[in-house]
N, C-alpha and C. Protein backbone atom coordinates (compact mmCIF):
# COMPACT_ATOMS: atom_id res chain seq x y z
N MET A 1 126.46 183.11 211.99
CA MET A 1 127.45 182.80 210.96
C MET A 1 126.94 183.27 209.60
N SER A 2 127.75 184.03 208.90
CA SER A 2 127.39 184.52 207.58
C SER A 2 127.61 183.42 206.54
N ALA A 3 126.67 183.29 205.60
CA ALA A 3 126.79 182.23 204.60
C ALA A 3 126.05 182.61 203.32
N PHE A 4 126.52 182.09 202.21
CA PHE A 4 125.80 182.16 200.94
C PHE A 4 126.19 180.94 200.12
N LEU A 5 125.44 180.67 199.05
CA LEU A 5 125.68 179.49 198.23
C LEU A 5 125.90 179.89 196.78
N VAL A 6 126.65 179.06 196.07
CA VAL A 6 126.98 179.34 194.66
C VAL A 6 126.81 178.06 193.85
N LEU A 7 126.26 178.23 192.65
CA LEU A 7 126.06 177.10 191.75
C LEU A 7 126.40 177.53 190.32
N ARG A 8 127.32 176.82 189.70
CA ARG A 8 127.56 177.03 188.28
C ARG A 8 126.44 176.33 187.51
N HIS A 9 126.09 176.87 186.36
CA HIS A 9 125.00 176.31 185.54
C HIS A 9 125.29 174.86 185.11
N GLY A 10 124.25 174.17 184.67
CA GLY A 10 124.40 172.82 184.15
C GLY A 10 125.06 172.81 182.77
N GLN A 11 125.29 171.61 182.28
CA GLN A 11 126.03 171.43 181.03
C GLN A 11 125.27 171.96 179.81
N THR A 12 126.04 172.48 178.86
CA THR A 12 125.53 172.86 177.54
C THR A 12 126.29 172.05 176.49
N ASP A 13 125.81 172.10 175.25
CA ASP A 13 126.53 171.41 174.17
C ASP A 13 127.93 171.99 174.01
N TRP A 14 128.07 173.30 174.19
CA TRP A 14 129.40 173.91 174.05
C TRP A 14 130.33 173.48 175.18
N ASN A 15 129.80 173.29 176.39
CA ASN A 15 130.62 172.74 177.47
C ASN A 15 131.16 171.38 177.06
N GLN A 16 130.28 170.57 176.51
CA GLN A 16 130.65 169.21 176.12
C GLN A 16 131.74 169.23 175.05
N GLN A 17 131.69 170.24 174.17
CA GLN A 17 132.67 170.37 173.10
C GLN A 17 133.89 171.17 173.53
N MET A 18 133.93 171.61 174.80
CA MET A 18 135.02 172.42 175.34
C MET A 18 135.19 173.73 174.57
N ARG A 19 134.05 174.34 174.23
CA ARG A 19 134.06 175.65 173.56
C ARG A 19 133.89 176.76 174.58
N LEU A 20 134.58 177.87 174.36
CA LEU A 20 134.43 179.04 175.22
C LEU A 20 133.09 179.71 174.90
N GLN A 21 132.21 179.76 175.88
CA GLN A 21 130.89 180.34 175.65
C GLN A 21 130.88 181.83 175.91
N GLY A 22 131.50 182.23 177.00
CA GLY A 22 131.52 183.65 177.33
C GLY A 22 130.11 184.21 177.42
N SER A 23 129.90 185.36 176.80
CA SER A 23 128.60 186.02 176.85
C SER A 23 127.64 185.50 175.79
N THR A 24 128.07 184.53 174.96
CA THR A 24 127.18 183.92 173.98
C THR A 24 126.12 183.11 174.71
N ASP A 25 124.87 183.30 174.33
CA ASP A 25 123.76 182.71 175.09
C ASP A 25 123.45 181.30 174.59
N ILE A 26 124.12 180.31 175.18
CA ILE A 26 123.96 178.91 174.81
C ILE A 26 123.07 178.23 175.86
N PRO A 27 122.02 177.51 175.44
CA PRO A 27 121.10 176.91 176.41
C PRO A 27 121.65 175.62 177.03
N LEU A 28 121.02 175.20 178.11
CA LEU A 28 121.31 173.90 178.69
C LEU A 28 120.97 172.79 177.70
N ASN A 29 121.68 171.68 177.80
CA ASN A 29 121.25 170.49 177.08
C ASN A 29 120.52 169.57 178.07
N ALA A 30 120.10 168.40 177.61
CA ALA A 30 119.33 167.50 178.48
C ALA A 30 120.11 167.08 179.71
N THR A 31 121.41 166.84 179.52
CA THR A 31 122.26 166.48 180.66
C THR A 31 122.30 167.62 181.68
N GLY A 32 122.42 168.85 181.18
CA GLY A 32 122.47 170.01 182.07
C GLY A 32 121.21 170.17 182.90
N ARG A 33 120.07 169.86 182.31
CA ARG A 33 118.82 169.95 183.06
C ARG A 33 118.76 168.90 184.17
N GLU A 34 119.23 167.71 183.87
CA GLU A 34 119.27 166.67 184.90
C GLU A 34 120.27 167.02 186.00
N GLN A 35 121.40 167.63 185.61
CA GLN A 35 122.37 168.07 186.61
C GLN A 35 121.76 169.11 187.54
N ALA A 36 120.97 170.03 186.97
CA ALA A 36 120.34 171.07 187.79
C ALA A 36 119.37 170.45 188.79
N LYS A 37 118.64 169.43 188.36
CA LYS A 37 117.71 168.74 189.27
C LYS A 37 118.47 168.05 190.40
N THR A 38 119.60 167.45 190.07
CA THR A 38 120.42 166.81 191.10
C THR A 38 120.94 167.85 192.09
N ALA A 39 121.43 168.97 191.56
CA ALA A 39 121.93 170.05 192.44
C ALA A 39 120.83 170.57 193.35
N ALA A 40 119.61 170.66 192.83
CA ALA A 40 118.49 171.15 193.64
C ALA A 40 118.28 170.28 194.87
N GLY A 41 118.48 168.97 194.72
CA GLY A 41 118.34 168.07 195.86
C GLY A 41 119.35 168.37 196.95
N PHE A 42 120.58 168.70 196.56
CA PHE A 42 121.61 169.03 197.55
C PHE A 42 121.36 170.40 198.19
N LEU A 43 120.71 171.29 197.44
CA LEU A 43 120.47 172.65 197.95
C LEU A 43 119.24 172.72 198.85
N ALA A 44 118.35 171.74 198.73
CA ALA A 44 117.18 171.72 199.62
C ALA A 44 117.66 171.56 201.06
N GLY A 45 117.07 172.32 201.95
CA GLY A 45 117.46 172.24 203.35
C GLY A 45 118.62 173.11 203.74
N GLN A 46 119.15 173.91 202.78
CA GLN A 46 120.26 174.81 203.08
C GLN A 46 119.79 176.19 203.55
N GLY A 47 118.49 176.37 203.63
CA GLY A 47 117.96 177.63 204.12
C GLY A 47 117.99 178.77 203.13
N VAL A 48 118.08 178.47 201.85
CA VAL A 48 118.11 179.51 200.82
C VAL A 48 116.81 180.30 200.83
N THR A 49 116.92 181.62 200.88
CA THR A 49 115.74 182.49 200.86
C THR A 49 115.64 183.33 199.60
N ARG A 50 116.73 183.38 198.82
CA ARG A 50 116.71 184.16 197.58
C ARG A 50 117.67 183.54 196.57
N ILE A 51 117.28 183.54 195.30
CA ILE A 51 118.13 183.03 194.23
C ILE A 51 118.39 184.17 193.25
N ILE A 52 119.67 184.45 193.02
CA ILE A 52 120.08 185.49 192.07
C ILE A 52 120.86 184.81 190.96
N ALA A 53 120.46 185.04 189.72
CA ALA A 53 121.05 184.33 188.58
C ALA A 53 121.56 185.28 187.52
N SER A 54 122.57 184.83 186.82
CA SER A 54 122.96 185.49 185.57
C SER A 54 121.78 185.43 184.61
N PRO A 55 121.57 186.48 183.79
CA PRO A 55 120.46 186.45 182.84
C PRO A 55 120.68 185.55 181.64
N LEU A 56 121.90 185.02 181.42
CA LEU A 56 122.11 184.10 180.31
C LEU A 56 121.28 182.83 180.54
N SER A 57 120.70 182.30 179.47
CA SER A 57 119.68 181.26 179.61
C SER A 57 120.18 180.01 180.31
N ARG A 58 121.45 179.64 180.13
CA ARG A 58 121.95 178.43 180.77
C ARG A 58 121.97 178.55 182.29
N ALA A 59 122.25 179.76 182.78
CA ALA A 59 122.23 179.99 184.22
C ALA A 59 120.81 180.20 184.73
N LEU A 60 120.01 180.95 183.98
CA LEU A 60 118.66 181.25 184.43
C LEU A 60 117.80 179.99 184.46
N GLU A 61 117.94 179.11 183.46
CA GLU A 61 117.16 177.87 183.48
C GLU A 61 117.60 176.98 184.64
N THR A 62 118.91 176.93 184.89
CA THR A 62 119.41 176.19 186.05
C THR A 62 118.78 176.73 187.32
N ALA A 63 118.76 178.05 187.45
CA ALA A 63 118.19 178.69 188.64
C ALA A 63 116.70 178.40 188.78
N ARG A 64 115.99 178.37 187.66
CA ARG A 64 114.55 178.11 187.71
C ARG A 64 114.26 176.66 188.10
N ILE A 65 115.10 175.73 187.63
CA ILE A 65 114.92 174.33 188.02
C ILE A 65 115.14 174.17 189.52
N VAL A 66 116.19 174.81 190.03
CA VAL A 66 116.44 174.77 191.47
C VAL A 66 115.33 175.50 192.22
N GLY A 67 114.94 176.66 191.71
CA GLY A 67 113.91 177.45 192.36
C GLY A 67 112.58 176.74 192.46
N GLU A 68 112.27 175.93 191.46
CA GLU A 68 111.02 175.16 191.51
C GLU A 68 111.04 174.18 192.68
N ARG A 69 112.19 173.58 192.92
CA ARG A 69 112.33 172.64 194.04
C ARG A 69 112.26 173.38 195.38
N LEU A 70 112.84 174.58 195.43
CA LEU A 70 112.92 175.32 196.69
C LEU A 70 111.74 176.25 196.92
N GLY A 71 110.89 176.40 195.91
CA GLY A 71 109.75 177.30 196.03
C GLY A 71 110.14 178.77 195.99
N ILE A 72 111.17 179.09 195.20
CA ILE A 72 111.67 180.46 195.10
C ILE A 72 111.78 180.85 193.62
N GLU A 73 111.26 182.01 193.26
CA GLU A 73 111.39 182.52 191.90
C GLU A 73 112.69 183.31 191.79
N PRO A 74 113.60 182.90 190.91
CA PRO A 74 114.89 183.61 190.80
C PRO A 74 114.73 185.03 190.27
N VAL A 75 115.65 185.89 190.67
CA VAL A 75 115.80 187.21 190.06
C VAL A 75 117.13 187.21 189.31
N THR A 76 117.28 188.10 188.35
CA THR A 76 118.53 188.15 187.57
C THR A 76 119.33 189.40 187.90
N ASP A 77 120.63 189.28 187.74
CA ASP A 77 121.54 190.41 187.91
C ASP A 77 122.66 190.26 186.89
N GLY A 78 122.78 191.24 186.01
CA GLY A 78 123.75 191.19 184.92
C GLY A 78 125.19 191.15 185.37
N ARG A 79 125.45 191.48 186.63
CA ARG A 79 126.83 191.43 187.12
C ARG A 79 127.36 190.00 187.25
N LEU A 80 126.45 189.01 187.19
CA LEU A 80 126.86 187.61 187.28
C LEU A 80 127.11 186.97 185.92
N ILE A 81 126.95 187.73 184.85
CA ILE A 81 127.12 187.18 183.51
C ILE A 81 128.55 186.68 183.31
N GLU A 82 128.71 185.70 182.42
CA GLU A 82 130.04 185.16 182.14
C GLU A 82 130.92 186.22 181.48
N ARG A 83 132.20 186.05 181.63
CA ARG A 83 133.18 186.93 180.99
C ARG A 83 133.00 186.90 179.48
N ASN A 84 133.09 188.06 178.85
CA ASN A 84 133.10 188.13 177.39
C ASN A 84 134.52 187.86 176.91
N PHE A 85 134.70 186.76 176.16
CA PHE A 85 136.02 186.38 175.69
C PHE A 85 136.36 186.97 174.32
N GLY A 86 135.51 187.85 173.80
CA GLY A 86 135.82 188.49 172.52
C GLY A 86 135.94 187.47 171.40
N LEU A 87 137.01 187.59 170.63
CA LEU A 87 137.22 186.73 169.46
C LEU A 87 137.37 185.25 169.81
N PHE A 88 137.63 184.95 171.06
CA PHE A 88 137.78 183.55 171.46
C PHE A 88 136.44 182.83 171.59
N GLU A 89 135.35 183.57 171.69
CA GLU A 89 134.06 182.92 171.94
C GLU A 89 133.68 182.00 170.77
N GLY A 90 133.24 180.81 171.12
CA GLY A 90 132.87 179.81 170.13
C GLY A 90 134.01 178.90 169.74
N MET A 91 135.24 179.24 170.12
CA MET A 91 136.39 178.39 169.81
C MET A 91 136.55 177.31 170.87
N THR A 92 137.04 176.15 170.45
CA THR A 92 137.43 175.14 171.42
C THR A 92 138.76 175.56 172.03
N LEU A 93 139.11 174.93 173.13
CA LEU A 93 140.39 175.26 173.76
C LEU A 93 141.56 174.94 172.83
N ASP A 94 141.44 173.86 172.07
CA ASP A 94 142.49 173.52 171.10
C ASP A 94 142.60 174.59 170.02
N GLU A 95 141.45 175.09 169.56
CA GLU A 95 141.46 176.13 168.53
C GLU A 95 142.07 177.42 169.05
N VAL A 96 141.81 177.74 170.30
CA VAL A 96 142.42 178.93 170.90
C VAL A 96 143.94 178.82 170.84
N ARG A 97 144.45 177.67 171.23
CA ARG A 97 145.91 177.47 171.19
C ARG A 97 146.44 177.54 169.76
N GLN A 98 145.73 176.93 168.82
CA GLN A 98 146.18 176.89 167.43
C GLN A 98 146.20 178.27 166.78
N HIS A 99 145.22 179.12 167.16
CA HIS A 99 145.06 180.39 166.46
C HIS A 99 145.67 181.58 167.19
N ARG A 100 146.28 181.36 168.34
CA ARG A 100 146.83 182.50 169.08
C ARG A 100 147.86 183.27 168.25
N GLN A 101 148.71 182.57 167.52
CA GLN A 101 149.75 183.26 166.76
C GLN A 101 149.16 184.07 165.62
N GLU A 102 148.26 183.49 164.83
CA GLU A 102 147.70 184.22 163.69
C GLU A 102 146.75 185.34 164.13
N MET A 103 146.30 185.28 165.39
CA MET A 103 145.42 186.34 165.91
C MET A 103 146.21 187.41 166.65
N ARG A 104 147.54 187.37 166.54
CA ARG A 104 148.38 188.27 167.32
C ARG A 104 148.00 189.74 167.13
N ALA A 105 147.61 190.12 165.91
CA ALA A 105 147.26 191.52 165.65
C ALA A 105 146.02 191.95 166.43
N PHE A 106 145.22 190.98 166.87
CA PHE A 106 144.00 191.30 167.60
C PHE A 106 144.13 191.03 169.10
N MET A 107 145.34 190.66 169.53
CA MET A 107 145.56 190.30 170.92
C MET A 107 146.11 191.48 171.71
N ASN A 108 145.71 191.57 172.96
CA ASN A 108 146.25 192.59 173.85
C ASN A 108 147.67 192.20 174.21
N PRO A 109 148.65 193.07 173.93
CA PRO A 109 150.05 192.71 174.22
C PRO A 109 150.35 192.59 175.71
N LYS A 110 149.47 193.15 176.56
CA LYS A 110 149.68 193.06 178.00
C LYS A 110 148.92 191.85 178.55
N ALA A 111 149.62 191.04 179.31
CA ALA A 111 148.97 189.87 179.92
C ALA A 111 147.93 190.32 180.94
N ASP A 112 146.85 189.56 181.04
CA ASP A 112 145.83 189.84 182.05
C ASP A 112 146.35 189.39 183.41
N ILE A 113 145.54 189.54 184.44
CA ILE A 113 146.02 189.24 185.79
C ILE A 113 146.27 187.76 186.01
N ASP A 114 145.80 186.91 185.08
CA ASP A 114 146.10 185.48 185.19
C ASP A 114 147.37 185.12 184.43
N GLY A 115 148.06 186.14 183.90
CA GLY A 115 149.32 185.91 183.20
C GLY A 115 149.16 185.47 181.77
N LYS A 116 147.94 185.55 181.22
CA LYS A 116 147.68 185.10 179.85
C LYS A 116 147.17 186.26 179.00
N HIS A 117 147.33 186.12 177.70
CA HIS A 117 146.91 187.16 176.76
C HIS A 117 145.58 186.81 176.13
N TYR A 118 144.71 187.81 176.03
CA TYR A 118 143.38 187.64 175.47
C TYR A 118 143.16 188.66 174.36
N PRO A 119 142.13 188.46 173.51
CA PRO A 119 141.87 189.44 172.46
C PRO A 119 141.59 190.82 173.03
N ASP A 120 141.86 191.85 172.21
CA ASP A 120 141.62 193.22 172.64
C ASP A 120 140.17 193.45 173.08
N ASN A 121 139.23 192.72 172.43
CA ASN A 121 137.82 192.96 172.74
C ASN A 121 137.28 192.04 173.83
N ALA A 122 138.16 191.34 174.53
CA ALA A 122 137.73 190.52 175.67
C ALA A 122 137.62 191.40 176.92
N GLU A 123 136.68 191.05 177.79
CA GLU A 123 136.53 191.79 179.05
C GLU A 123 137.70 191.47 179.97
N PRO A 124 138.38 192.47 180.51
CA PRO A 124 139.49 192.21 181.43
C PRO A 124 139.03 191.40 182.64
N LEU A 125 139.85 190.44 183.04
CA LEU A 125 139.49 189.56 184.14
C LEU A 125 139.27 190.34 185.43
N GLY A 126 140.08 191.37 185.66
CA GLY A 126 139.92 192.18 186.87
C GLY A 126 138.54 192.82 186.96
N GLU A 127 138.00 193.24 185.81
CA GLU A 127 136.66 193.84 185.80
C GLU A 127 135.59 192.80 186.12
N VAL A 128 135.79 191.58 185.63
CA VAL A 128 134.84 190.50 185.95
C VAL A 128 134.84 190.26 187.46
N ILE A 129 136.02 190.13 188.04
CA ILE A 129 136.13 189.86 189.47
C ILE A 129 135.45 190.96 190.27
N ASP A 130 135.66 192.21 189.90
CA ASP A 130 135.08 193.34 190.65
C ASP A 130 133.56 193.34 190.57
N ARG A 131 133.00 193.13 189.38
CA ARG A 131 131.53 193.21 189.25
C ARG A 131 130.85 192.03 189.95
N VAL A 132 131.46 190.85 189.87
CA VAL A 132 130.87 189.69 190.54
C VAL A 132 130.92 189.88 192.06
N PHE A 133 132.04 190.37 192.57
CA PHE A 133 132.20 190.63 194.00
C PHE A 133 131.18 191.66 194.47
N ASP A 134 130.98 192.71 193.68
CA ASP A 134 129.98 193.73 194.02
C ASP A 134 128.59 193.13 194.10
N CYS A 135 128.28 192.24 193.16
CA CYS A 135 126.96 191.61 193.13
C CYS A 135 126.74 190.76 194.38
N VAL A 136 127.68 189.91 194.69
CA VAL A 136 127.53 189.04 195.87
C VAL A 136 127.36 189.88 197.13
N ASN A 137 128.16 190.91 197.28
CA ASN A 137 128.08 191.75 198.49
C ASN A 137 126.79 192.55 198.56
N ALA A 138 126.17 192.81 197.41
CA ALA A 138 124.93 193.58 197.40
C ALA A 138 123.75 192.80 197.99
N TYR A 139 123.85 191.47 198.00
CA TYR A 139 122.73 190.65 198.45
C TYR A 139 123.00 189.83 199.71
N ARG A 140 124.23 189.40 199.92
CA ARG A 140 124.49 188.33 200.89
C ARG A 140 124.26 188.72 202.34
N GLU A 141 124.29 190.00 202.68
CA GLU A 141 124.16 190.41 204.08
C GLU A 141 122.75 190.23 204.61
N ASP A 142 121.74 190.37 203.75
CA ASP A 142 120.36 190.44 204.22
C ASP A 142 119.62 189.10 204.19
N GLU A 143 120.03 188.19 203.29
CA GLU A 143 119.33 186.92 203.15
C GLU A 143 120.34 185.80 202.91
N THR A 144 119.85 184.56 202.96
CA THR A 144 120.70 183.43 202.59
C THR A 144 120.52 183.21 201.09
N CYS A 145 121.50 183.68 200.34
CA CYS A 145 121.36 183.75 198.89
C CYS A 145 122.07 182.61 198.18
N LEU A 146 121.47 182.19 197.08
CA LEU A 146 122.10 181.29 196.14
C LEU A 146 122.39 182.07 194.87
N PHE A 147 123.66 182.11 194.47
CA PHE A 147 124.07 182.78 193.25
C PHE A 147 124.32 181.73 192.17
N VAL A 148 123.59 181.82 191.07
CA VAL A 148 123.72 180.86 189.96
C VAL A 148 124.43 181.57 188.82
N CYS A 149 125.62 181.10 188.50
CA CYS A 149 126.44 181.85 187.55
C CYS A 149 127.23 180.93 186.64
N HIS A 150 128.48 181.29 186.35
CA HIS A 150 129.29 180.64 185.31
C HIS A 150 130.68 180.32 185.85
N GLY A 151 131.50 179.73 184.98
CA GLY A 151 132.83 179.29 185.39
C GLY A 151 133.75 180.39 185.87
N ILE A 152 133.86 181.48 185.09
CA ILE A 152 134.77 182.56 185.49
C ILE A 152 134.23 183.32 186.69
N PRO A 153 132.94 183.67 186.74
CA PRO A 153 132.42 184.27 187.97
C PRO A 153 132.62 183.39 189.21
N PHE A 154 132.54 182.07 189.05
CA PHE A 154 132.81 181.19 190.20
C PHE A 154 134.26 181.37 190.65
N ARG A 155 135.17 181.44 189.69
CA ARG A 155 136.58 181.67 190.05
C ARG A 155 136.74 183.01 190.75
N ALA A 156 136.00 184.01 190.28
CA ALA A 156 136.08 185.34 190.90
C ALA A 156 135.65 185.29 192.36
N ILE A 157 134.57 184.57 192.63
CA ILE A 157 134.07 184.47 194.01
C ILE A 157 135.09 183.76 194.89
N SER A 158 135.64 182.66 194.40
CA SER A 158 136.62 181.93 195.21
C SER A 158 137.87 182.76 195.44
N ARG A 159 138.25 183.54 194.44
CA ARG A 159 139.45 184.38 194.59
C ARG A 159 139.23 185.44 195.68
N LYS A 160 138.06 186.05 195.68
CA LYS A 160 137.79 187.12 196.64
C LYS A 160 137.56 186.61 198.06
N PHE A 161 136.85 185.49 198.19
CA PHE A 161 136.48 185.04 199.53
C PHE A 161 137.46 184.02 200.11
N LEU A 162 138.18 183.30 199.25
CA LEU A 162 139.12 182.29 199.74
C LEU A 162 140.57 182.64 199.45
N ASP A 163 140.78 183.74 198.70
CA ASP A 163 142.13 184.13 198.27
C ASP A 163 142.80 182.98 197.51
N ASP A 164 142.01 182.26 196.76
CA ASP A 164 142.50 181.16 195.94
C ASP A 164 141.52 181.00 194.78
N MET A 165 141.95 180.34 193.71
CA MET A 165 141.10 180.22 192.53
C MET A 165 140.67 178.76 192.37
N TYR A 166 139.35 178.57 192.27
CA TYR A 166 138.80 177.24 192.08
C TYR A 166 137.98 177.19 190.78
N SER A 167 138.08 176.08 190.07
CA SER A 167 137.24 175.81 188.91
C SER A 167 136.09 174.93 189.34
N SER A 168 134.90 175.25 188.84
CA SER A 168 133.73 174.47 189.21
C SER A 168 133.26 173.62 188.05
N PRO A 169 133.03 172.32 188.27
CA PRO A 169 132.34 171.53 187.25
C PRO A 169 130.92 172.07 187.08
N ASN A 170 130.22 171.62 186.06
CA ASN A 170 128.83 172.03 185.88
C ASN A 170 127.99 171.58 187.07
N ALA A 171 127.14 172.49 187.53
CA ALA A 171 126.12 172.18 188.55
C ALA A 171 126.69 171.58 189.82
N ALA A 172 127.79 172.16 190.31
CA ALA A 172 128.40 171.70 191.56
C ALA A 172 128.03 172.68 192.67
N PRO A 173 127.05 172.36 193.52
CA PRO A 173 126.60 173.31 194.54
C PRO A 173 127.58 173.41 195.71
N VAL A 174 127.86 174.63 196.13
CA VAL A 174 128.76 174.84 197.26
C VAL A 174 128.19 175.89 198.21
N ARG A 175 128.65 175.82 199.44
CA ARG A 175 128.26 176.78 200.47
C ARG A 175 129.51 177.50 200.96
N PHE A 176 129.46 178.82 201.02
CA PHE A 176 130.53 179.64 201.58
C PHE A 176 130.10 180.08 202.98
N GLU A 177 130.95 179.82 203.97
CA GLU A 177 130.65 180.20 205.34
C GLU A 177 131.78 181.02 205.92
N ALA A 178 131.43 182.02 206.71
CA ALA A 178 132.42 182.84 207.42
C ALA A 178 132.36 182.53 208.89
N ASP A 179 133.50 182.30 209.48
CA ASP A 179 133.59 182.06 210.92
C ASP A 179 134.79 182.84 211.44
N GLY A 180 134.51 183.86 212.21
CA GLY A 180 135.60 184.69 212.72
C GLY A 180 136.34 185.45 211.64
N GLY A 181 135.64 185.81 210.57
CA GLY A 181 136.25 186.59 209.51
C GLY A 181 136.96 185.76 208.45
N THR A 182 137.06 184.45 208.65
CA THR A 182 137.69 183.57 207.68
C THR A 182 136.63 182.78 206.94
N TRP A 183 136.71 182.80 205.62
CA TRP A 183 135.72 182.08 204.80
C TRP A 183 136.23 180.69 204.44
N ARG A 184 135.30 179.78 204.35
CA ARG A 184 135.60 178.45 203.84
C ARG A 184 134.51 178.03 202.86
N MET A 185 134.85 177.13 201.96
CA MET A 185 133.91 176.63 200.96
C MET A 185 133.62 175.15 201.24
N ILE A 186 132.35 174.81 201.27
CA ILE A 186 131.93 173.43 201.54
C ILE A 186 131.21 172.90 200.31
N ALA A 187 131.73 171.83 199.73
CA ALA A 187 131.08 171.20 198.58
C ALA A 187 129.89 170.38 199.09
N LEU A 188 128.69 170.68 198.62
CA LEU A 188 127.51 169.96 199.07
C LEU A 188 127.40 168.59 198.42
N ASP A 189 127.97 168.45 197.23
CA ASP A 189 128.01 167.16 196.54
C ASP A 189 129.47 166.75 196.43
N PRO A 190 129.95 165.90 197.33
CA PRO A 190 131.38 165.53 197.33
C PRO A 190 131.86 164.89 196.03
N ASP A 191 130.93 164.30 195.27
CA ASP A 191 131.31 163.67 194.01
C ASP A 191 131.35 164.66 192.85
N ASN A 192 130.95 165.89 193.11
CA ASN A 192 130.95 166.93 192.07
C ASN A 192 131.39 168.23 192.72
N ALA A 193 132.68 168.29 193.03
CA ALA A 193 133.21 169.41 193.82
C ALA A 193 134.17 170.25 193.00
N PRO A 194 134.30 171.55 193.32
CA PRO A 194 135.28 172.41 192.64
C PRO A 194 136.70 171.90 192.82
N ILE A 195 137.54 172.29 191.89
CA ILE A 195 138.94 171.87 191.88
C ILE A 195 139.82 173.10 191.98
N ARG A 196 140.80 173.05 192.86
CA ARG A 196 141.71 174.19 193.00
C ARG A 196 142.42 174.43 191.68
N GLN A 197 142.44 175.69 191.24
CA GLN A 197 143.02 176.05 189.95
C GLN A 197 144.53 176.20 190.09
N VAL A 198 145.26 175.31 189.46
CA VAL A 198 146.71 175.41 189.42
C VAL A 198 147.08 176.17 188.15
N PHE A 199 147.93 177.17 188.26
CA PHE A 199 148.26 178.01 187.11
C PHE A 199 148.74 177.17 185.92
N ASN A 200 148.09 177.40 184.78
CA ASN A 200 148.48 176.76 183.51
C ASN A 200 148.29 175.24 183.52
N ALA A 201 147.46 174.74 184.40
CA ALA A 201 147.26 173.29 184.47
C ALA A 201 145.88 172.91 183.96
N GLN A 202 145.74 171.66 183.56
CA GLN A 202 144.46 171.16 183.08
C GLN A 202 143.51 170.97 184.26
N THR A 203 142.31 171.53 184.15
CA THR A 203 141.26 171.33 185.15
C THR A 203 139.98 171.01 184.39
N THR A 204 138.87 171.01 185.10
CA THR A 204 137.60 170.75 184.44
C THR A 204 137.27 171.82 183.41
N MET A 205 137.86 172.98 183.51
CA MET A 205 137.60 174.06 182.56
C MET A 205 138.67 174.12 181.48
N GLY A 206 139.70 173.31 181.58
CA GLY A 206 140.77 173.37 180.60
C GLY A 206 141.77 174.46 180.91
N PRO A 207 142.88 174.49 180.18
CA PRO A 207 143.96 175.45 180.46
C PRO A 207 143.71 176.81 179.86
N ILE A 208 142.67 177.52 180.32
CA ILE A 208 142.36 178.85 179.76
C ILE A 208 142.76 179.94 180.75
């Protein structure tokens, strides 16, 4: 049976403030470090042989905390980095809604594949999905891999392997398994599990 594991990074201060971090390198806070330690406990015994992390510090520190428990030194791959939200980075979700009209001159008039409009300098969502998918496929065949990444890359993985979009809370460890060509996602911590993304609805990541 083919399998790999995915973990979104632990909490940061910007997560707590509901700010879009994107490619801005925001570190874990104390809560995020404790969340990573909790996730490591659920990941122990899953047979992980390799940890691949986004190079952004919040993901890499999460990976190192888990790796210390599992006895594995993480490697980094830039394809797992969070989506660059352009002018939206650093804004709270409320601020994004408030400023969309006055930022119209800087917004792409064409909706992205999620049906929403983003700044011209934001990375297209389709490109994020493609690079994350390429990264996972580059490693998952040879070893039992744990990918430590971010909110949008997690959505990209769920979209590609489950044909559905899920939002992940901070530090929610999951296992993806294939059986007969069909993939399923198993939440290792039932109290901290991904939530199916309903279009334009409030989730743990907010209506972005």
